[in-house]
C-alpha atoms as a PDB file:
ATOM      1  CA  MET A   1      -2.415  -2.822 -24.390  1.00  0.00           C
ATOM      2  CA  ASN A   2       0.886  -3.287 -26.178  1.00  0.00           C
ATOM      3  CA  PRO A   3       4.306  -3.262 -24.446  1.00  0.00           C
ATOM      4  CA  ALA A   4       5.380   0.037 -26.017  1.00  0.00           C
ATOM      5  CA  LYS A   5       2.354   1.807 -24.587  1.00  0.00           C
ATOM      6  CA  ARG A   6       2.939   0.322 -21.134  1.00  0.00           C
ATOM      7  CA  THR A   7       6.547   1.461 -21.224  1.00  0.00           C
ATOM      8  CA  GLU A   8       5.525   4.981 -22.204  1.00  0.00           C
ATOM      9  CA  ILE A   9       2.996   5.082 -19.353  1.00  0.00           C
ATOM     10  CA  PHE A  10       5.632   4.268 -16.768  1.00  0.00           C
ATOM     11  CA  GLN A  11       8.187   6.571 -18.331  1.00  0.00           C
ATOM     12  CA  ARG A  12       5.748   9.438 -17.900  1.00  0.00           C
ATOM     13  CA  LEU A  13       4.857   8.434 -14.348  1.00  0.00           C
ATOM     14  CA  ARG A  14       8.550   8.282 -13.471  1.00  0.00           C
ATOM     15  CA  ALA A  15       9.262  11.626 -15.096  1.00  0.00           C
ATOM     16  CA  ALA A  16       6.493  13.252 -13.070  1.00  0.00           C
ATOM     17  CA  ASN A  17       7.543  11.612  -9.780  1.00  0.00           C
ATOM     18  CA  PRO A  18      10.990   9.968  -9.914  1.00  0.00           C
ATOM     19  CA  GLU A  19      11.065   8.765  -6.288  1.00  0.00           C
ATOM     20  CA  PRO A  20       7.489   8.159  -5.119  1.00  0.00           C
ATOM     21  CA  GLN A  21       6.988   7.585  -1.412  1.00  0.00           C
ATOM     22  CA  THR A  22       4.265   6.154   0.759  1.00  0.00           C
ATOM     23  CA  GLU A  23       2.032   8.713   2.437  1.00  0.00           C
ATOM     24  CA  LEU A  24       2.061   6.705   5.657  1.00  0.00           C
ATOM     25  CA  GLU A  25       4.337   8.158   8.349  1.00  0.00           C
ATOM     26  CA  TYR A  26       6.882   5.836   9.972  1.00  0.00           C
ATOM     27  CA  ASP A  27      10.491   5.698  11.145  1.00  0.00           C
ATOM     28  CA  THR A  28      11.186   1.959  11.247  1.00  0.00           C
ATOM     29  CA  PRO A  29      10.071  -1.183   9.405  1.00  0.00           C
ATOM     30  CA  PHE A  30       8.012  -2.093  12.466  1.00  0.00           C
ATOM     31  CA  GLN A  31       6.187   1.227  12.450  1.00  0.00           C
ATOM     32  CA  LEU A  32       5.558   0.774   8.732  1.00  0.00           C
ATOM     33  CA  LEU A  33       4.104  -2.677   9.401  1.00  0.00           C
ATOM     34  CA  VAL A  34       1.802  -1.256  12.066  1.00  0.00           C
ATOM     35  CA  ALA A  35       0.717   1.658   9.866  1.00  0.00           C
ATOM     36  CA  VAL A  36      -0.043  -0.580   6.889  1.00  0.00           C
ATOM     37  CA  THR A  37      -1.987  -2.992   9.105  1.00  0.00           C
ATOM     38  CA  LEU A  38      -4.061  -0.096  10.430  1.00  0.00           C
ATOM     39  CA  SER A  39      -4.632   1.310   6.938  1.00  0.00           C
ATOM     40  CA  ALA A  40      -6.906  -1.530   5.807  1.00  0.00           C
ATOM     41  CA  GLN A  41     -10.292   0.050   5.007  1.00  0.00           C
ATOM     42  CA  ALA A  42      -8.947   3.388   6.291  1.00  0.00           C
ATOM     43  CA  THR A  43      -7.203   6.388   4.759  1.00  0.00           C
ATOM     44  CA  ASP A  44      -3.511   7.065   5.188  1.00  0.00           C
ATOM     45  CA  LYS A  45      -4.442  10.451   6.657  1.00  0.00           C
ATOM     46  CA  SER A  46      -6.551   8.894   9.407  1.00  0.00           C
ATOM     47  CA  VAL A  47      -3.811   6.379  10.189  1.00  0.00           C
ATOM     48  CA  ASN A  48      -1.165   9.121  10.432  1.00  0.00           C
ATOM     49  CA  LEU A  49      -3.350  11.119  12.802  1.00  0.00           C
ATOM     50  CA  ALA A  50      -3.597   8.082  15.068  1.00  0.00           C
ATOM     51  CA  THR A  51       0.010   6.858  14.932  1.00  0.00           C
ATOM     52  CA  ARG A  52       1.391  10.322  15.710  1.00  0.00           C
ATOM     53  CA  LYS A  53      -0.151   9.908  19.149  1.00  0.00           C
ATOM     54  CA  PHE A  54       1.716   6.747  20.121  1.00  0.00           C
ATOM     55  CA  PHE A  55       4.650   5.981  17.802  1.00  0.00           C
ATOM     56  CA  ALA A  56       7.061   8.275  19.652  1.00  0.00           C
ATOM     57  CA  GLN A  57       6.683   6.468  22.989  1.00  0.00           C
ATOM     58  CA  HIS A  58       5.264   3.097  21.967  1.00  0.00           C
ATOM     59  CA  GLY A  59       6.528   2.557  18.420  1.00  0.00           C
ATOM     60  CA  THR A  60       8.369  -0.705  19.069  1.00  0.00           C
ATOM     61  CA  PRO A  61       7.100  -4.257  19.523  1.00  0.00           C
ATOM     62  CA  GLU A  62       7.871  -3.996  23.244  1.00  0.00           C
ATOM     63  CA  GLY A  63       6.061  -0.661  23.439  1.00  0.00           C
ATOM     64  CA  ILE A  64       2.964  -2.058  21.773  1.00  0.00           C
ATOM     65  CA  VAL A  65       2.891  -5.127  24.017  1.00  0.00           C
ATOM     66  CA  ALA A  66       3.240  -2.873  27.062  1.00  0.00           C
ATOM     67  CA  LEU A  67       0.238  -0.861  25.864  1.00  0.00           C
ATOM     68  CA  GLY A  68      -1.835  -3.985  25.403  1.00  0.00           C
ATOM     69  CA  GLU A  69      -4.968  -4.297  23.317  1.00  0.00           C
ATOM     70  CA  ALA A  70      -7.037  -1.887  25.393  1.00  0.00           C
ATOM     71  CA  GLY A  71      -4.310   0.737  25.510  1.00  0.00           C
ATOM     72  CA  LEU A  72      -3.641   0.592  21.766  1.00  0.00           C
ATOM     73  CA  ALA A  73      -7.361   0.602  21.012  1.00  0.00           C
ATOM     74  CA  GLU A  74      -7.704   3.955  22.752  1.00  0.00           C
ATOM     75  CA  PHE A  75      -5.163   5.484  20.366  1.00  0.00           C
ATOM     76  CA  ILE A  76      -6.778   4.063  17.223  1.00  0.00           C
ATOM     77  CA  ARG A  77     -10.475   4.429  18.039  1.00  0.00           C
ATOM     78  CA  THR A  78     -10.966   6.744  15.047  1.00  0.00           C
ATOM     79  CA  ILE A  79      -9.905   3.986  12.637  1.00  0.00           C
ATOM     80  CA  GLY A  80     -12.347   1.375  11.387  1.00  0.00           C
ATOM     81  CA  LEU A  81     -12.212  -2.076  12.967  1.00  0.00           C
ATOM     82  CA  PHE A  82      -9.967  -0.654  15.680  1.00  0.00           C
ATOM     83  CA  ARG A  83     -10.531  -3.451  18.197  1.00  0.00           C
ATOM     84  CA  THR A  84      -9.608  -6.177  15.718  1.00  0.00           C
ATOM     85  CA  LYS A  85      -6.622  -4.180  14.525  1.00  0.00           C
ATOM     86  CA  ALA A  86      -5.434  -3.580  18.076  1.00  0.00           C
ATOM     87  CA  ARG A  87      -5.618  -7.302  18.781  1.00  0.00           C
ATOM     88  CA  ASN A  88      -3.707  -8.131  15.581  1.00  0.00           C
ATOM     89  CA  VAL A  89      -0.992  -5.521  16.114  1.00  0.00           C
ATOM     90  CA  VAL A  90      -0.378  -6.646  19.696  1.00  0.00           C
ATOM     91  CA  GLY A  91      -0.351 -10.284  18.589  1.00  0.00           C
ATOM     92  CA  ALA A  92       2.088  -9.536  15.773  1.00  0.00           C
ATOM     93  CA  SER A  93       4.322  -7.630  18.188  1.00  0.00           C
ATOM     94  CA  GLU A  94       4.444 -10.592  20.553  1.00  0.00           C
ATOM     95  CA  ILE A  95       5.476 -12.911  17.723  1.00  0.00           C
ATOM     96  CA  LEU A  96       8.141 -10.494  16.502  1.00  0.00           C
ATOM     97  CA  ILE A  97       9.640 -10.333  19.997  1.00  0.00           C
ATOM     98  CA  ARG A  98       9.467 -14.097  20.508  1.00  0.00           C
ATOM     99  CA  ASP A  99      10.519 -15.362  17.089  1.00  0.00           C
ATOM    100  CA  HIS A 100      12.338 -12.555  15.276  1.00  0.00           C
ATOM    101  CA  GLY A 101      14.335 -10.625  17.832  1.00  0.00           C
ATOM    102  CA  SER A 102      11.836  -7.752  17.640  1.00  0.00           C
ATOM    103  CA  GLN A 103      12.740  -7.232  13.971  1.00  0.00           C
ATOM    104  CA  VAL A 104      10.362  -7.277  11.017  1.00  0.00           C
ATOM    105  CA  PRO A 105      11.330 -10.248   8.821  1.00  0.00           C
ATOM    106  CA  ASP A 106      12.346  -9.774   5.202  1.00  0.00           C
ATOM    107  CA  SER A 107      10.228 -12.749   4.159  1.00  0.00           C
ATOM    108  CA  ARG A 108       6.739 -13.009   2.721  1.00  0.00           C
ATOM    109  CA  GLU A 109       6.074 -16.296   4.499  1.00  0.00           C
ATOM    110  CA  ALA A 110       7.105 -14.891   7.882  1.00  0.00           C
ATOM    111  CA  LEU A 111       5.162 -11.679   7.370  1.00  0.00           C
ATOM    112  CA  GLU A 112       1.973 -13.462   6.334  1.00  0.00           C
ATOM    113  CA  ALA A 113       2.245 -15.636   9.450  1.00  0.00           C
ATOM    114  CA  LEU A 114       1.660 -12.518  11.578  1.00  0.00           C
ATOM    115  CA  PRO A 115      -1.907 -11.725  12.716  1.00  0.00           C
ATOM    116  CA  GLY A 116      -3.625  -9.237  10.442  1.00  0.00           C
ATOM    117  CA  VAL A 117      -0.956  -9.432   7.734  1.00  0.00           C
ATOM    118  CA  GLY A 118      -2.209 -10.630   4.368  1.00  0.00           C
ATOM    119  CA  ARG A 119      -0.634 -10.611   0.943  1.00  0.00           C
ATOM    120  CA  LYS A 120      -1.233  -6.913   0.323  1.00  0.00           C
ATOM    121  CA  THR A 121       0.288  -5.796   3.618  1.00  0.00           C
ATOM    122  CA  ALA A 122       3.264  -8.110   3.136  1.00  0.00           C
ATOM    123  CA  ASN A 123       3.835  -6.728  -0.356  1.00  0.00           C
ATOM    124  CA  VAL A 124       3.805  -3.144   0.914  1.00  0.00           C
ATOM    125  CA  VAL A 125       6.326  -3.909   3.675  1.00  0.00           C
ATOM    126  CA  LEU A 126       8.577  -5.912   1.367  1.00  0.00           C
ATOM    127  CA  ASN A 127       8.521  -3.097  -1.188  1.00  0.00           C
ATOM    128  CA  ILE A 128       8.984  -0.080   1.055  1.00  0.00           C
ATOM    129  CA  ALA A 129      11.066  -1.446   3.914  1.00  0.00           C
ATOM    130  CA  PHE A 130      13.219  -3.929   2.010  1.00  0.00           C
ATOM    131  CA  GLY A 131      13.218  -2.748  -1.596  1.00  0.00           C
ATOM    132  CA  HIS A 132      11.540  -5.783  -3.133  1.00  0.00           C
ATOM    133  CA  PRO A 133       9.878  -5.127  -6.526  1.00  0.00           C
ATOM    134  CA  THR A 134       6.464  -6.168  -5.201  1.00  0.00           C
ATOM    135  CA  ILE A 135       3.112  -4.663  -6.157  1.00  0.00           C
ATOM    136  CA  ALA A 136       0.398  -4.528  -3.516  1.00  0.00           C
ATOM    137  CA  VAL A 137      -2.918  -4.334  -5.335  1.00  0.00           C
ATOM    138  CA  ASP A 138      -5.453  -2.280  -3.409  1.00  0.00           C
ATOM    139  CA  THR A 139      -8.717  -0.800  -4.683  1.00  0.00           C
ATOM    140  CA  HIS A 140      -6.869   2.062  -6.378  1.00  0.00           C
ATOM    141  CA  ILE A 141      -4.445  -0.143  -8.300  1.00  0.00           C
ATOM    142  CA  PHE A 142      -7.195  -2.616  -9.143  1.00  0.00           C
ATOM    143  CA  ARG A 143      -9.271   0.203 -10.628  1.00  0.00           C
ATOM    144  CA  VAL A 144      -6.395   1.802 -12.537  1.00  0.00           C
ATOM    145  CA  ALA A 145      -5.131  -1.495 -13.946  1.00  0.00           C
ATOM    146  CA  ASN A 146      -8.580  -2.430 -15.237  1.00  0.00           C
ATOM    147  CA  ARG A 147      -9.787   0.996 -16.329  1.00  0.00           C
ATOM    148  CA  THR A 148      -6.666   1.933 -18.289  1.00  0.00           C
ATOM    149  CA  GLY A 149      -6.213  -1.519 -19.804  1.00  0.00           C
ATOM    150  CA  LEU A 150      -2.744  -1.697 -18.263  1.00  0.00           C
ATOM    151  CA  ALA A 151      -3.283  -5.053 -16.563  1.00  0.00           C
ATOM    152  CA  PRO A 152      -6.937  -6.122 -16.439  1.00  0.00           C
ATOM    153  CA  GLY A 153      -7.983  -8.888 -14.080  1.00  0.00           C
ATOM    154  CA  LYS A 154     -11.048 -10.194 -12.252  1.00  0.00           C
ATOM    155  CA  ASP A 155      -9.570  -9.938  -8.753  1.00  0.00           C
ATOM    156  CA  VAL A 156      -6.602  -8.400  -6.967  1.00  0.00           C
ATOM    157  CA  VAL A 157      -4.439 -11.509  -7.254  1.00  0.00           C
ATOM    158  CA  ALA A 158      -5.031 -11.719 -11.004  1.00  0.00           C
ATOM    159  CA  VAL A 159      -4.146  -8.036 -11.398  1.00  0.00           C
ATOM    160  CA  GLU A 160      -1.007  -8.456  -9.281  1.00  0.00           C
ATOM    161  CA  GLN A 161       0.115 -11.424 -11.350  1.00  0.00           C
ATOM    162  CA  ARG A 162      -0.601  -9.557 -14.574  1.00  0.00           C
ATOM    163  CA  LEU A 163       1.278  -6.455 -13.448  1.00  0.00           C
ATOM    164  CA  ASN A 164       4.288  -8.503 -12.417  1.00  0.00           C
ATOM    165  CA  LYS A 165       4.270 -10.039 -15.871  1.00  0.00           C
ATOM    166  CA  VAL A 166       3.791  -6.919 -18.017  1.00  0.00           C
ATOM    167  CA  VAL A 167       5.453  -4.035 -16.122  1.00  0.00           C
ATOM    168  CA  PRO A 168       8.992  -3.566 -17.465  1.00  0.00           C
ATOM    169  CA  LYS A 169      11.574  -4.558 -14.835  1.00  0.00           C
ATOM    170  CA  GLU A 170      13.078  -1.077 -14.616  1.00  0.00           C
ATOM    171  CA  PHE A 171       9.758   0.233 -13.285  1.00  0.00           C
ATOM    172  CA  LEU A 172       8.734  -2.585 -10.927  1.00  0.00           C
ATOM    173  CA  LEU A 173      10.228  -1.130  -7.750  1.00  0.00           C
ATOM    174  CA  HIS A 174       8.112   2.034  -7.875  1.00  0.00           C
ATOM    175  CA  ALA A 175       5.121   0.803  -9.922  1.00  0.00           C
ATOM    176  CA  HIS A 176       3.139   0.228  -6.723  1.00  0.00           C
ATOM    177  CA  HIS A 177       3.359   3.858  -5.645  1.00  0.00           C
ATOM    178  CA  TRP A 178       2.870   5.392  -9.072  1.00  0.00           C
ATOM    179  CA  LEU A 179      -0.350   3.462  -9.625  1.00  0.00           C
ATOM    180  CA  ILE A 180      -1.705   4.081  -6.124  1.00  0.00           C
ATOM    181  CA  LEU A 181      -1.119   7.826  -6.391  1.00  0.00           C
ATOM    182  CA  LEU A 182      -2.673   7.890  -9.844  1.00  0.00           C
ATOM    183  CA  GLY A 183      -5.772   6.127  -8.532  1.00  0.00           C
ATOM    184  CA  ARG A 184      -5.949   8.146  -5.335  1.00  0.00           C
ATOM    185  CA  TYR A 185      -5.759  11.601  -6.895  1.00  0.00           C
ATOM    186  CA  ILE A 186      -6.478  11.400 -10.637  1.00  0.00           C
ATOM    187  CA  CYS A 187      -8.080   8.133 -11.725  1.00  0.00           C
ATOM    188  CA  VAL A 188     -10.634   8.324  -8.919  1.00  0.00           C
ATOM    189  CA  ALA A 189     -13.608   5.994  -8.702  1.00  0.00           C
ATOM    190  CA  ARG A 190     -16.641   8.097  -9.557  1.00  0.00           C
ATOM    191  CA  THR A 191     -15.430  10.805 -11.933  1.00  0.00           C
ATOM    192  CA  PRO A 192     -11.857  10.279 -13.085  1.00  0.00           C
ATOM    193  CA  LYS A 193      -9.951  13.501 -13.694  1.00  0.00           C
ATOM    194  CA  CYS A 194      -8.975  12.574 -17.241  1.00  0.00           C
ATOM    195  CA  PRO A 195      -8.203  16.159 -18.367  1.00  0.00           C
ATOM    196  CA  GLN A 196      -5.569  16.351 -15.608  1.00  0.00           C
ATOM    197  CA  CYS A 197      -4.067  12.940 -16.323  1.00  0.00           C
ATOM    198  CA  GLY A 198      -0.598  12.720 -17.811  1.00  0.00           C
ATOM    199  CA  ILE A 199      -1.308   9.379 -19.469  1.00  0.00           C
ATOM    200  CA  ALA A 200      -4.844  10.070 -20.740  1.00  0.00           C
ATOM    201  CA  ASP A 201      -3.822   9.705 -24.387  1.00  0.00           C
ATOM    202  CA  LEU A 202      -2.375   6.252 -23.639  1.00  0.00           C
ATOM    203  CA  CYS A 203      -5.253   5.053 -21.488  1.00  0.00           C
ATOM    204  CA  GLU A 204      -7.781   2.699 -23.103  1.00  0.00           C
ATOM    205  CA  TYR A 205     -10.731   3.759 -20.946  1.00  0.00           C
ATOM    206  CA  ARG A 206     -13.571   4.526 -23.338  1.00  0.00           C
ATOM    207  CA  SER A 207     -15.648   6.802 -21.145  1.00  0.00           C
ATOM    208  CA  LYS A 208     -13.051   9.476 -20.416  1.00  0.00           C
ATOM    209  CA  THR A 209     -14.306  12.657 -18.788  1.00  0.00           C
ATOM    210  CA  LYS A 210     -13.935  15.553 -21.212  1.00  0.00           C
ATOM    211  CA  ALA A 211     -13.937  18.439 -18.762  1.00  0.00           C
ATOM    212  CA  LEU A 212     -14.165  19.058 -15.061  1.00  0.00           C
END
């Protein structure tokens, strides 16, 4: 895909949604960190349903530690891998209290040192909470990048590196959200909704759906 086509793709995505936002509900960087950690292999909707039950009273590192693993697990039982996630969130909260003054660090290295926080989670937090032009490649972005020809790659790291290289700088801050939303609602896995897609004429996917 040539640079002019990539630029046009992002111009259209920006025109359709100038200020894209995460669909996860949160009030603080810490709550965002918790929500993103819980969202692994889960939907944002299911995470929001769970966090609404405890963020108001326990949405701080101290509140999570006071709940403990068993207490937090009860709130997130509807989310996959809830016991492991409860353990990681409590462990991360303890480290934030001990080493970071209960604040979420604005550092990839420090974020990835927290239990349950990998590259994708760190990228999401850095992007949304701190305004870094990072791109967290999940299954949606991986699919969109490969299917459209925007930034093909064999794995999520390769796609992330390719996107960081080819996405024009003016679009990097919001590229993460535009591509996730495109993959979540239009460029879906089984039957992409090509007739509804605003960039279908720019997309290089050969097997476009003709009608729905």
